Amino acid sequence: MASGDKMYFENLLSEFEKKFKNHGSFPLFSGESINDIVDKFNVPPQPGVYVIYGCTSEREEIIYIGRSGSMNQDGSFRNQSLKKRLTMKQGGVYRKEFF
């Protein structure tokens, strides 16, 4: 991601954090269980958006942007929370295998 694009994205995230009162972050290091981390950091059982960064000592890079809880036409959400989305299967493989 170009530095201008990253700055735009960071500004957009900052605006979302001001607009939506429920937001947070957590670290996930190599060898840690995503299931344990979402419990430890109280990831809410609500729909939402998440951004996953890959970090090294030299750089930080967005590697995935996802969402949970598709919205129905009446404005309600289907039953899928952030916690469930981050810990369940995708393509037949549990996410703990990805992370």
Foldseek 3Di string as FASTA:
>chain_A
DDPVVVVVVVVVVVVVCVVDVDDDDDDDDPPDFLLVGCVVVVQDQAKDKDWDWDDDPVDIGTDDIDIWFDADPVRDTDRGGPSNVCAQDDPNDGNSVVD
